[in-house]
Each structure stands twice: as C-alpha cells, then as structure tokens.
Amino acid sequence: MAKLNYNSNHSRSLSNMNNAYWTSPKQGFDQSWHKQKNKEKQFYQGIQQGKHGTHELDVVLTEGVHAGKVICKTCNKHVAWIPKHIINT
C-alpha cells in the first residue's frame, strides 16, 4: 500500500476566497461598480451644492450625446447635462 503525503497547508491553498480580490470589493471584483457609484454620487452632489440645489428641478430625457438634462423650474434655466451612464444605472 502506498503512503500518502498530506500537505498541512493544503486546505488554505485551495481557498481562493481569502485573497484581496474577494475580501476587498473596492479593489477587487466590484471595483468598477464602486467607481461608477462614486461618479453618480459626485454628479448628484454637484447639482445639490450648486446655486439651483434648493430650487425645483426637472429632468428632461433627450436623444443624442446625452441621456437628458436637468432644468431649474424656479429660474427656467439649464442646470446640467445627464450622462448616459447615470440614466442606465
């Protein structure tokens, strides 16, 4: 009968779920999702912190380069263009 060598580190070497790819979503598998959410957050904060942040705003969907635009109903002025990647999420 052959003698089997058992490697004591065998169980740890098979577990790939312990590496940074899985344990740190901001640096691993979800990195692009986190970057996308940060862009969306910056877009919304930029509008809220602007001079129209306290005004009544409206969103108009458009076709073409941008997905839409934000219009201030109080001032009747254009506030910002909405990128397509923000509408699609």
N, C-alpha and C. Protein backbone atom coordinates (compact mmCIF):
# COMPACT_ATOMS: atom_id res chain seq x y z
N MET A 1 0.84 -1.16 0.00
CA MET A 1 0.00 0.00 0.00
C MET A 1 0.90 1.24 0.00
N ALA A 2 0.55 2.24 -0.82
CA ALA A 2 1.34 3.45 -0.95
C ALA A 2 1.03 4.42 0.18
N LYS A 3 2.07 5.08 0.65
CA LYS A 3 1.88 6.06 1.71
C LYS A 3 1.55 7.40 1.06
N LEU A 4 0.49 8.05 1.56
CA LEU A 4 0.08 9.35 1.02
C LEU A 4 0.69 10.46 1.85
N ASN A 5 1.26 11.43 1.18
CA ASN A 5 1.77 12.61 1.85
C ASN A 5 0.66 13.64 1.93
N TYR A 6 0.39 14.13 3.10
CA TYR A 6 -0.64 15.14 3.29
C TYR A 6 0.04 16.47 3.58
N ASN A 7 -0.29 17.46 2.80
CA ASN A 7 0.27 18.79 2.98
C ASN A 7 -0.64 19.55 3.95
N SER A 8 -0.12 19.98 5.07
CA SER A 8 -0.94 20.65 6.08
C SER A 8 -1.47 21.99 5.59
N ASN A 9 -0.83 22.60 4.61
CA ASN A 9 -1.30 23.87 4.06
C ASN A 9 -2.27 23.66 2.91
N HIS A 10 -2.62 22.44 2.65
CA HIS A 10 -3.45 22.10 1.51
C HIS A 10 -4.80 22.82 1.56
N SER A 11 -5.45 22.84 2.70
CA SER A 11 -6.77 23.46 2.78
C SER A 11 -6.71 24.96 2.53
N ARG A 12 -5.67 25.63 2.99
CA ARG A 12 -5.55 27.07 2.77
C ARG A 12 -5.20 27.38 1.33
N SER A 13 -4.45 26.53 0.68
CA SER A 13 -4.06 26.80 -0.70
C SER A 13 -5.24 26.64 -1.65
N LEU A 14 -6.21 25.82 -1.29
CA LEU A 14 -7.37 25.64 -2.16
C LEU A 14 -8.39 26.77 -1.99
N SER A 15 -8.35 27.46 -0.90
CA SER A 15 -9.33 28.50 -0.65
C SER A 15 -8.88 29.81 -1.28
N ASN A 16 -9.37 30.07 -2.45
CA ASN A 16 -9.04 31.32 -3.14
C ASN A 16 -9.94 32.46 -2.69
N MET A 17 -10.91 32.17 -1.86
CA MET A 17 -11.83 33.20 -1.39
C MET A 17 -11.19 34.11 -0.33
N ASN A 18 -9.98 33.78 0.11
CA ASN A 18 -9.32 34.58 1.14
C ASN A 18 -8.43 35.68 0.56
N ASN A 19 -8.30 35.75 -0.75
CA ASN A 19 -7.41 36.78 -1.30
C ASN A 19 -8.15 38.11 -1.43
N ALA A 20 -7.42 39.15 -1.71
CA ALA A 20 -7.96 40.52 -1.73
C ALA A 20 -9.02 40.71 -2.81
N TYR A 21 -8.97 39.93 -3.85
CA TYR A 21 -9.97 40.05 -4.92
C TYR A 21 -11.37 39.86 -4.36
N TRP A 22 -11.55 38.94 -3.44
CA TRP A 22 -12.86 38.66 -2.87
C TRP A 22 -13.12 39.40 -1.57
N THR A 23 -12.11 39.64 -0.78
CA THR A 23 -12.32 40.23 0.54
C THR A 23 -12.38 41.75 0.51
N SER A 24 -11.93 42.39 -0.56
CA SER A 24 -11.94 43.84 -0.66
C SER A 24 -12.65 44.26 -1.95
N PRO A 25 -13.97 44.39 -1.93
CA PRO A 25 -14.71 44.71 -3.15
C PRO A 25 -14.28 46.01 -3.82
N LYS A 26 -13.83 46.99 -3.05
CA LYS A 26 -13.42 48.26 -3.65
C LYS A 26 -12.15 48.12 -4.48
N GLN A 27 -11.37 47.05 -4.25
CA GLN A 27 -10.15 46.84 -5.00
C GLN A 27 -10.22 45.60 -5.88
N GLY A 28 -11.23 44.78 -5.70
CA GLY A 28 -11.30 43.52 -6.42
C GLY A 28 -12.44 43.44 -7.41
N PHE A 29 -13.30 42.45 -7.23
CA PHE A 29 -14.31 42.12 -8.22
C PHE A 29 -15.35 43.21 -8.44
N ASP A 30 -15.59 44.06 -7.47
CA ASP A 30 -16.61 45.10 -7.60
C ASP A 30 -16.01 46.48 -7.82
N GLN A 31 -14.77 46.55 -8.20
CA GLN A 31 -14.08 47.83 -8.33
C GLN A 31 -14.79 48.74 -9.33
N SER A 32 -15.20 48.24 -10.47
CA SER A 32 -15.85 49.08 -11.47
C SER A 32 -17.20 49.57 -10.97
N TRP A 33 -17.93 48.74 -10.20
CA TRP A 33 -19.22 49.15 -9.65
C TRP A 33 -19.03 50.31 -8.67
N HIS A 34 -18.01 50.22 -7.82
CA HIS A 34 -17.75 51.28 -6.85
C HIS A 34 -17.34 52.57 -7.55
N LYS A 35 -16.55 52.47 -8.60
CA LYS A 35 -16.15 53.67 -9.34
C LYS A 35 -17.37 54.32 -9.98
N GLN A 36 -18.27 53.52 -10.53
CA GLN A 36 -19.49 54.03 -11.15
C GLN A 36 -20.37 54.74 -10.12
N LYS A 37 -20.53 54.14 -8.96
CA LYS A 37 -21.35 54.75 -7.91
C LYS A 37 -20.75 56.06 -7.43
N ASN A 38 -19.42 56.15 -7.37
CA ASN A 38 -18.76 57.40 -6.96
C ASN A 38 -19.02 58.50 -7.98
N LYS A 39 -19.02 58.16 -9.28
CA LYS A 39 -19.30 59.16 -10.32
C LYS A 39 -20.73 59.67 -10.19
N GLU A 40 -21.67 58.75 -9.94
CA GLU A 40 -23.07 59.14 -9.77
C GLU A 40 -23.23 60.06 -8.56
N LYS A 41 -22.58 59.68 -7.46
CA LYS A 41 -22.67 60.46 -6.23
C LYS A 41 -22.12 61.88 -6.45
N GLN A 42 -20.99 62.00 -7.17
CA GLN A 42 -20.40 63.29 -7.44
C GLN A 42 -21.32 64.13 -8.32
N PHE A 43 -21.99 63.49 -9.27
CA PHE A 43 -22.91 64.20 -10.15
C PHE A 43 -24.06 64.79 -9.34
N TYR A 44 -24.69 63.98 -8.50
CA TYR A 44 -25.82 64.44 -7.69
C TYR A 44 -25.39 65.50 -6.68
N GLN A 45 -24.25 65.32 -6.06
CA GLN A 45 -23.76 66.30 -5.08
C GLN A 45 -23.44 67.63 -5.75
N GLY A 46 -22.91 67.56 -6.96
CA GLY A 46 -22.60 68.78 -7.70
C GLY A 46 -23.84 69.62 -7.96
N ILE A 47 -24.93 68.97 -8.28
CA ILE A 47 -26.18 69.69 -8.51
C ILE A 47 -26.74 70.22 -7.20
N GLN A 48 -26.73 69.40 -6.16
CA GLN A 48 -27.27 69.82 -4.87
C GLN A 48 -26.49 70.97 -4.25
N GLN A 49 -25.19 71.01 -4.48
CA GLN A 49 -24.36 72.05 -3.86
C GLN A 49 -24.29 73.32 -4.71
N GLY A 50 -24.85 73.26 -5.91
CA GLY A 50 -24.86 74.44 -6.77
C GLY A 50 -25.93 75.42 -6.36
N LYS A 51 -26.02 76.52 -7.09
CA LYS A 51 -26.99 77.56 -6.72
C LYS A 51 -28.43 77.12 -6.95
N HIS A 52 -28.65 76.07 -7.76
CA HIS A 52 -30.00 75.57 -8.02
C HIS A 52 -30.38 74.40 -7.11
N GLY A 53 -29.54 74.06 -6.16
CA GLY A 53 -29.76 72.90 -5.29
C GLY A 53 -31.03 72.98 -4.47
N THR A 54 -31.44 74.19 -4.10
CA THR A 54 -32.65 74.35 -3.29
C THR A 54 -33.88 74.67 -4.15
N HIS A 55 -33.70 74.80 -5.45
CA HIS A 55 -34.80 75.13 -6.35
C HIS A 55 -35.53 73.86 -6.79
N GLU A 56 -36.66 74.06 -7.45
CA GLU A 56 -37.42 72.93 -8.01
C GLU A 56 -36.79 72.56 -9.35
N LEU A 57 -36.35 71.31 -9.46
CA LEU A 57 -35.66 70.85 -10.65
C LEU A 57 -36.53 69.87 -11.44
N ASP A 58 -36.27 69.80 -12.74
CA ASP A 58 -36.99 68.87 -13.61
C ASP A 58 -35.97 68.18 -14.49
N VAL A 59 -36.25 66.92 -14.84
CA VAL A 59 -35.38 66.14 -15.72
C VAL A 59 -36.10 65.95 -17.05
N VAL A 60 -35.41 66.28 -18.14
CA VAL A 60 -35.94 66.10 -19.48
C VAL A 60 -35.04 65.11 -20.20
N LEU A 61 -35.61 63.98 -20.63
CA LEU A 61 -34.83 62.98 -21.36
C LEU A 61 -34.67 63.42 -22.81
N THR A 62 -33.46 63.25 -23.34
CA THR A 62 -33.17 63.66 -24.72
C THR A 62 -32.53 62.50 -25.46
N GLU A 63 -32.44 62.64 -26.75
CA GLU A 63 -31.71 61.67 -27.57
C GLU A 63 -30.45 62.35 -28.09
N GLY A 64 -29.44 61.55 -28.30
CA GLY A 64 -28.19 62.11 -28.80
C GLY A 64 -27.04 61.78 -27.88
N VAL A 65 -26.13 62.73 -27.73
CA VAL A 65 -24.92 62.52 -26.96
C VAL A 65 -25.22 62.31 -25.48
N HIS A 66 -26.16 63.08 -24.93
CA HIS A 66 -26.51 63.00 -23.51
C HIS A 66 -27.84 62.27 -23.35
N ALA A 67 -28.04 61.69 -22.19
CA ALA A 67 -29.29 60.98 -21.92
C ALA A 67 -30.41 61.95 -21.56
N GLY A 68 -30.06 63.09 -21.04
CA GLY A 68 -31.07 64.06 -20.63
C GLY A 68 -30.42 65.31 -20.09
N LYS A 69 -31.28 66.18 -19.55
CA LYS A 69 -30.77 67.41 -18.95
C LYS A 69 -31.60 67.75 -17.73
N VAL A 70 -30.97 68.47 -16.81
CA VAL A 70 -31.64 68.94 -15.61
C VAL A 70 -31.94 70.41 -15.83
N ILE A 71 -33.21 70.77 -15.60
CA ILE A 71 -33.65 72.15 -15.79
C ILE A 71 -34.20 72.67 -14.47
N CYS A 72 -33.87 73.90 -14.13
CA CYS A 72 -34.39 74.55 -12.93
C CYS A 72 -35.73 75.18 -13.29
N LYS A 73 -36.80 74.68 -12.66
CA LYS A 73 -38.14 75.25 -12.91
C LYS A 73 -38.28 76.63 -12.28
N THR A 74 -37.58 76.87 -11.18
CA THR A 74 -37.66 78.15 -10.50
C THR A 74 -37.08 79.27 -11.36
N CYS A 75 -35.90 79.03 -11.93
CA CYS A 75 -35.22 80.04 -12.74
C CYS A 75 -35.47 79.88 -14.24
N ASN A 76 -36.02 78.74 -14.63
CA ASN A 76 -36.22 78.40 -16.03
C ASN A 76 -34.89 78.42 -16.80
N LYS A 77 -33.88 77.75 -16.19
CA LYS A 77 -32.54 77.69 -16.80
C LYS A 77 -32.03 76.26 -16.83
N HIS A 78 -31.09 76.03 -17.74
CA HIS A 78 -30.40 74.73 -17.84
C HIS A 78 -29.42 74.61 -16.69
N VAL A 79 -29.42 73.44 -15.99
CA VAL A 79 -28.53 73.23 -14.86
C VAL A 79 -27.37 72.32 -15.24
N ALA A 80 -27.68 71.16 -15.84
CA ALA A 80 -26.62 70.20 -16.17
C ALA A 80 -27.11 69.19 -17.21
N TRP A 81 -26.17 68.67 -17.96
CA TRP A 81 -26.45 67.55 -18.84
C TRP A 81 -26.30 66.27 -18.04
N ILE A 82 -27.12 65.28 -18.33
CA ILE A 82 -27.06 64.00 -17.63
C ILE A 82 -26.35 62.99 -18.54
N PRO A 83 -25.22 62.44 -18.11
CA PRO A 83 -24.53 61.43 -18.92
C PRO A 83 -25.37 60.15 -19.04
N LYS A 84 -25.18 59.44 -20.13
CA LYS A 84 -25.95 58.21 -20.37
C LYS A 84 -25.70 57.16 -19.31
N HIS A 85 -24.50 57.06 -18.79
CA HIS A 85 -24.19 56.02 -17.81
C HIS A 85 -24.95 56.22 -16.50
N ILE A 86 -25.39 57.42 -16.20
CA ILE A 86 -26.14 57.66 -14.98
C ILE A 86 -27.60 57.25 -15.16
N ILE A 87 -28.16 57.47 -16.30
CA ILE A 87 -29.55 57.08 -16.58
C ILE A 87 -29.65 55.56 -16.65
N ASN A 88 -28.65 54.89 -17.20
CA ASN A 88 -28.70 53.44 -17.40
C ASN A 88 -28.56 52.65 -16.12
N THR A 89 -28.15 53.28 -15.01
CA THR A 89 -27.99 52.53 -13.76
C THR A 89 -29.17 52.62 -12.87
